């Protein structure tokens, strides 16, 4: 059953909120955009790491976390939250080393 636009937007927001809570539990400061299903993790150096939750056409419209500049991370479900946290940590570490 297909979800309507408002249902998809709400689902995306809920997934971003869940990721924000997971990142906060690891000690990261997280800013969640009110208008978009997007969060940003401020970096010590350089730009914040932005993560969006979008529908992924190649996965039948399944919700996925993607980096703000593009690049799919993992499906936006509880089973993959830890993978997304690791990916965000890796991106932040690369900026520090970079």
Protein backbone atom coordinates (compact mmCIF):
# COMPACT_ATOMS: atom_id res chain seq x y z
CA UNK A 1 0.00 0.00 0.00
CA UNK A 2 1.49 3.33 -1.06
CA UNK A 3 1.80 6.10 1.47
CA UNK A 4 0.53 9.61 0.78
CA UNK A 5 2.95 12.55 0.63
CA UNK A 6 2.22 13.75 4.16
CA UNK A 7 2.64 10.21 5.53
CA UNK A 8 5.99 9.86 3.76
CA UNK A 9 7.15 13.24 5.09
CA UNK A 10 6.14 12.27 8.62
CA UNK A 11 7.89 8.89 8.30
CA UNK A 12 11.04 10.65 7.07
CA UNK A 13 10.92 13.07 10.03
CA UNK A 14 10.49 10.20 12.49
CA UNK A 15 13.51 8.36 11.03
CA UNK A 16 15.66 11.52 11.20
CA UNK A 17 14.55 12.02 14.82
CA UNK A 18 15.50 8.40 15.64
CA UNK A 19 18.94 8.92 14.07
CA UNK A 20 19.37 12.19 15.99
CA UNK A 21 18.67 10.35 19.26
CA UNK A 22 21.17 7.62 18.35
CA UNK A 23 23.87 10.20 17.56
CA UNK A 24 23.14 12.13 20.77
CA UNK A 25 23.55 8.91 22.75
CA UNK A 26 27.08 8.75 21.31
CA UNK A 27 27.79 12.27 22.56
CA UNK A 28 27.31 14.20 19.31
CA UNK A 29 25.62 17.56 19.06
CA UNK A 30 22.85 17.27 16.48
CA UNK A 31 20.74 19.94 14.83
CA UNK A 32 17.49 18.80 13.24
CA UNK A 33 15.87 21.02 10.61
CA UNK A 34 12.23 21.81 11.35
CA UNK A 35 11.14 22.12 7.73
CA UNK A 36 13.00 19.20 6.17
CA UNK A 37 13.77 15.61 7.17
CA UNK A 38 17.43 16.58 7.64
CA UNK A 39 19.93 16.64 10.46
CA UNK A 40 23.36 18.16 10.74
CA UNK A 41 26.21 17.14 13.03
CA UNK A 42 28.59 20.06 13.62
CA UNK A 43 32.19 19.14 12.86
CA UNK A 44 35.28 20.34 14.72
CA UNK A 45 36.69 21.42 11.36
CA UNK A 46 34.88 22.21 8.13
CA UNK A 47 31.25 21.86 7.21
CA UNK A 48 28.73 20.01 9.37
CA UNK A 49 27.89 16.50 8.21
CA UNK A 50 24.32 16.58 6.90
CA UNK A 51 22.12 13.49 6.66
CA UNK A 52 18.74 13.38 4.93
CA UNK A 53 16.07 10.73 4.84
CA UNK A 54 14.74 10.25 1.31
CA UNK A 55 12.82 7.73 -0.71
CA UNK A 56 15.17 5.70 -2.88
CA UNK A 57 13.70 4.85 -6.28
CA UNK A 58 16.08 1.92 -6.90
CA UNK A 59 14.76 0.34 -3.70
CA UNK A 60 11.10 0.70 -4.59
CA UNK A 61 10.66 3.97 -2.73
CA UNK A 62 12.04 2.59 0.54
CA UNK A 63 13.29 5.28 2.96
CA UNK A 64 17.08 5.58 3.10
CA UNK A 65 19.52 7.81 4.94
CA UNK A 66 21.75 9.73 2.55
CA UNK A 67 24.50 12.29 3.07
CA UNK A 68 23.52 15.88 2.26
CA UNK A 69 25.86 15.98 -0.71
CA UNK A 70 24.54 12.66 -2.00
CA UNK A 71 25.67 9.16 -1.32
CA UNK A 72 23.35 6.56 0.13
CA UNK A 73 24.26 5.32 3.62
CA UNK A 74 21.75 2.64 4.64
CA UNK A 75 18.03 1.91 4.85
CA UNK A 76 16.26 4.21 7.31
CA UNK A 77 15.15 1.54 9.76
CA UNK A 78 16.08 0.59 13.31
CA UNK A 79 18.18 -2.36 12.14
CA UNK A 80 20.57 -0.02 10.30
CA UNK A 81 20.76 2.94 12.75
CA UNK A 82 24.10 1.76 14.16
CA UNK A 83 25.54 1.54 10.61
CA UNK A 84 24.46 5.12 9.93
CA UNK A 85 26.03 6.33 13.20
CA UNK A 86 29.31 4.62 12.18
CA UNK A 87 29.13 6.23 8.72
CA UNK A 88 28.57 9.71 10.21
CA UNK A 89 31.45 9.18 12.68
CA UNK A 90 33.67 8.12 9.78
CA UNK A 91 32.76 11.20 7.75
CA UNK A 92 33.47 13.48 10.73
CA UNK A 93 36.81 11.74 11.36
CA UNK A 94 37.77 12.11 7.69
CA UNK A 95 37.18 15.88 7.94
CA UNK A 96 39.46 16.10 10.98
CA UNK A 97 42.18 14.08 9.23
CA UNK A 98 41.54 15.72 5.88
